[in-house]
Protein backbone atom coordinates (compact mmCIF):
# COMPACT_ATOMS: atom_id res chain seq x y z
CA MET A 1 266.35 317.78 84.43
CA ILE A 2 262.93 317.41 85.95
CA ARG A 3 261.33 319.71 84.20
CA GLY A 4 262.88 318.35 80.93
CA SER A 5 261.71 314.94 81.69
CA PHE A 6 258.11 316.20 82.35
CA GLN A 7 258.04 317.95 79.07
CA THR A 8 259.33 314.97 77.18
CA LEU A 9 256.75 312.69 79.02
CA ILE A 10 253.76 315.24 78.01
CA ASN A 11 254.90 315.56 74.31
CA ALA A 12 254.82 311.80 74.25
CA LEU A 13 251.61 311.47 75.92
CA LEU A 14 250.26 313.90 73.14
CA ALA A 15 252.00 311.76 70.59
CA GLY A 16 250.46 308.61 71.79
CA ILE A 17 246.99 310.16 71.79
CA PHE A 18 247.50 311.19 67.92
CA ILE A 19 248.36 307.76 67.20
CA GLY A 20 245.24 306.56 69.05
CA ILE A 21 243.24 309.17 66.91
CA ALA A 22 244.80 307.77 63.77
CA GLY A 23 244.28 304.20 64.78
CA THR A 24 240.52 305.03 65.25
CA VAL A 25 239.96 306.49 61.70
CA TYR A 26 242.07 303.79 60.21
CA LEU A 27 239.48 301.06 61.85
CA ALA A 28 236.64 303.04 61.20
CA VAL A 29 237.22 303.44 57.42
CA LYS A 30 236.28 300.14 55.41
CA ASN A 31 238.56 300.79 52.45
CA PRO A 32 242.07 299.86 53.42
CA VAL A 33 244.12 302.09 51.28
CA ILE A 34 242.18 305.14 52.21
CA GLY A 35 242.38 303.99 55.95
CA ALA A 36 246.41 303.68 55.55
CA VAL A 37 246.65 307.08 53.94
CA LEU A 38 244.61 308.63 56.77
CA PHE A 39 246.71 307.11 59.54
CA GLY A 40 249.47 309.28 58.15
CA PHE A 41 247.66 312.21 59.87
CA GLY A 42 249.10 311.02 63.19
CA LEU A 43 252.89 310.97 62.41
CA MET A 44 252.19 314.36 60.32
CA THR A 45 250.89 316.01 63.32
CA ILE A 46 253.39 314.49 65.80
CA LEU A 47 256.36 315.92 63.45
CA CYS A 48 254.48 319.14 62.71
CA TYR A 49 253.97 320.12 66.52
CA GLY A 50 257.23 318.48 67.80
CA PHE A 51 255.45 315.54 69.83
CA LYS A 52 257.48 312.79 70.96
CA LEU A 53 257.21 309.38 69.17
CA TYR A 54 259.11 306.28 70.18
CA THR A 55 259.67 304.95 66.81
CA GLY A 56 260.54 308.21 65.43
CA ALA A 57 263.17 308.87 68.00
CA ILE A 58 264.74 305.53 68.34
CA GLY A 59 266.62 305.63 65.06
CA TYR A 60 268.70 308.59 66.52
CA LEU A 61 270.24 306.55 69.47
CA ALA A 62 273.04 305.54 67.22
CA ASN A 63 274.33 309.17 67.13
CA GLN A 64 274.25 310.40 70.54
CA GLY A 65 277.83 309.35 71.53
CA LYS A 66 278.47 310.45 75.08
CA LYS A 67 274.88 311.46 75.55
CA THR A 68 273.72 307.74 75.01
CA PRO A 69 272.66 307.29 78.59
CA ALA A 70 270.65 310.36 79.05
CA TYR A 71 269.11 309.61 75.64
CA LEU A 72 268.11 306.14 76.75
CA TRP A 73 266.17 307.78 79.68
CA THR A 74 264.46 309.96 77.01
CA LEU A 75 263.33 307.14 74.91
CA LEU A 76 262.02 305.37 78.06
CA LEU A 77 260.02 308.27 79.10
CA ILE A 78 258.64 308.62 75.46
CA TRP A 79 257.87 304.86 75.06
CA CYS A 80 255.77 305.15 78.62
CA GLY A 81 253.97 308.50 77.67
CA ASN A 82 253.21 307.05 74.11
CA PHE A 83 251.80 304.12 76.06
CA SER A 84 249.65 306.36 78.12
CA GLY A 85 248.22 308.36 75.34
CA THR A 86 247.63 305.30 73.15
CA TRP A 87 245.76 303.62 76.36
CA LEU A 88 243.85 306.82 76.95
CA VAL A 89 242.48 306.98 73.44
CA GLY A 90 241.71 303.22 73.38
CA THR A 91 239.77 303.35 76.52
CA LEU A 92 237.81 306.48 75.74
CA VAL A 93 237.02 305.08 72.52
CA ARG A 94 235.59 301.91 73.88
CA HIS A 95 233.14 304.12 75.89
CA SER A 96 231.80 305.72 72.66
CA ARG A 97 229.41 304.88 69.84
CA THR A 98 232.39 305.01 67.51
CA PHE A 99 233.29 301.79 68.85
CA ALA A 100 230.31 299.69 67.63
CA LYS A 101 231.99 300.47 64.11
CA ILE A 102 235.44 299.21 65.05
CA ASP A 103 234.56 296.46 67.57
CA ALA A 104 234.76 293.43 65.37
CA ARG A 105 237.67 294.58 63.17
CA VAL A 106 239.97 295.71 66.19
CA GLY A 107 239.09 292.36 67.97
CA ALA A 108 240.12 290.32 65.04
CA MET A 109 243.30 292.33 64.41
CA CYS A 110 244.37 291.77 67.87
CA ALA A 111 243.89 288.11 67.73
CA GLU A 112 245.85 287.82 64.71
CA LYS A 113 248.79 289.62 66.41
CA LEU A 114 248.62 287.76 69.49
CA ALA A 115 248.24 284.54 67.95
CA ASP A 116 251.34 285.30 65.75
CA LYS A 117 254.96 283.71 66.14
CA MET A 118 257.57 285.68 67.82
CA PRO A 119 259.96 285.59 64.72
CA SER A 120 257.26 286.82 62.39
CA LEU A 121 256.35 289.77 64.73
CA LEU A 122 260.13 290.36 64.97
CA VAL A 123 260.51 290.77 61.27
CA LEU A 124 257.41 292.66 60.47
CA SER A 125 258.27 295.33 63.55
CA PHE A 126 261.78 295.43 62.00
CA PHE A 127 260.70 296.47 58.61
CA CYS A 128 257.98 298.99 60.29
CA GLY A 129 261.09 300.56 62.11
CA ILE A 130 263.08 301.22 58.99
CA LEU A 131 260.12 302.98 57.38
CA MET A 132 259.35 304.96 60.40
CA TYR A 133 263.06 306.51 60.67
CA VAL A 134 262.70 307.11 56.56
CA ALA A 135 259.65 309.00 57.32
CA VAL A 136 260.98 310.98 60.15
CA GLU A 137 264.51 311.78 58.48
CA THR A 138 262.57 312.61 55.10
CA TYR A 139 260.64 315.24 57.04
CA ARG A 140 263.59 316.78 58.98
CA ARG A 141 265.64 317.59 55.73
CA GLU A 142 264.78 320.75 55.07
CA GLU A 143 266.72 320.95 51.66
CA LEU A 144 263.99 318.79 50.30
CA SER A 145 260.69 320.61 49.19
CA PRO A 146 257.54 320.64 51.64
CA ILE A 147 255.63 318.84 49.36
CA PHE A 148 258.21 315.84 49.11
CA ARG A 149 258.66 315.89 52.88
CA PHE A 150 255.28 315.49 53.61
CA PHE A 151 254.84 313.00 50.86
CA GLY A 152 257.32 310.99 52.46
CA ILE A 153 255.29 310.78 55.78
CA PHE A 154 252.16 309.70 54.34
CA LEU A 155 253.98 307.31 51.93
CA CYS A 156 255.81 305.39 54.52
CA VAL A 157 253.05 305.14 56.94
CA SER A 158 250.75 303.75 54.15
CA ILE A 159 253.54 301.08 53.11
CA PHE A 160 253.86 299.74 56.42
CA ILE A 161 250.14 299.50 57.31
CA LEU A 162 249.36 297.90 53.80
CA SER A 163 252.39 295.55 54.09
CA GLY A 164 251.11 294.24 57.51
CA PHE A 165 254.15 295.51 59.27
CA GLU A 166 253.89 296.21 63.19
CA HIS A 167 254.04 299.42 65.10
CA CYS A 168 254.55 298.92 68.68
CA ILE A 169 252.77 302.34 69.70
CA ALA A 170 249.82 301.62 67.22
CA ASP A 171 249.60 298.05 68.53
CA MET A 172 249.18 299.79 72.09
CA PHE A 173 246.14 301.62 71.03
CA TYR A 174 244.37 298.71 69.31
CA PHE A 175 245.41 296.37 72.24
CA SER A 176 243.67 299.16 74.73
CA ALA A 177 240.88 299.46 72.22
CA ALA A 178 240.20 295.81 72.29
CA ASN A 179 240.88 295.58 75.97
CA VAL A 180 243.11 292.62 75.84
CA TRP A 181 245.93 293.70 78.03
CA ASN A 182 247.52 290.92 80.00
CA GLY A 183 250.97 289.37 80.36
CA TRP A 184 251.10 287.91 77.16
CA THR A 185 250.13 291.13 75.29
CA LEU A 186 252.93 293.10 77.09
CA THR A 187 255.43 290.68 76.09
CA ILE A 188 254.29 290.89 72.48
CA THR A 189 254.52 294.51 72.71
CA LEU A 190 257.96 294.66 74.25
CA LEU A 191 258.90 292.34 71.41
CA LEU A 192 257.37 294.82 68.88
CA THR A 193 259.41 297.30 70.35
CA LEU A 194 262.80 295.87 69.78
CA GLY A 195 261.88 295.10 66.25
CA ASN A 196 260.96 298.80 65.69
CA SER A 197 264.11 299.54 67.46
CA LEU A 198 266.51 297.47 65.24
CA GLY A 199 264.69 298.70 62.05
CA GLY A 200 264.99 302.02 63.21
CA MET A 201 268.71 302.01 63.79
CA LEU A 202 269.69 300.25 60.81
CA LEU A 203 269.95 303.17 58.37
CA PRO A 204 271.97 305.33 61.02
CA VAL A 205 274.29 302.62 61.82
CA ALA A 206 274.70 301.72 58.14
CA ASP A 207 275.76 305.48 57.36
CA LYS A 208 278.17 305.28 60.00
CA LEU A 209 279.90 302.11 58.68
CA ARG A 210 279.76 303.70 54.99
CA LYS A 211 281.98 306.81 56.22
């Protein structure tokens, strides 16, 4: 139990690190389309190496049955590990010359997110959750061609970024890079987590209802 939890935490930490790296290149690239596509590197790496990302795992809560309590604990560990990884990258990037390239952009981005209304944030994170589930589920379907499985990852990520949808783990990185953590920022992060969770579970629940 303890060993399994520790492994989950490490894999979640690594996932957070790669989301932070993906967020950095997205901010550093001026072309928004190129940046959105490059952000897909983060999710691709996470899926290929078996790391644990909250928005990739929450959708499968609906299928756990009697294992639901244990899976909820796993999700909590993943969320905390993701938070730690993104915070680490955001903090380290702040102390590098790369930060000069992204300082103004990440500051403006975070200001916009923190000034937004809660219903708007919930809607935007809900749709992001749907796309993250589709990306992960597409990759997991071995009957599909490898090209289509990887294309699905980059397509879903690009769509959520270019649409302005909110990803709670990516925002953890942005908030850390901008150094704007406070009570309100944490509240927004929890709201985004809720939205991502509801969106991520939409298709699994719908599939159950259709059967």
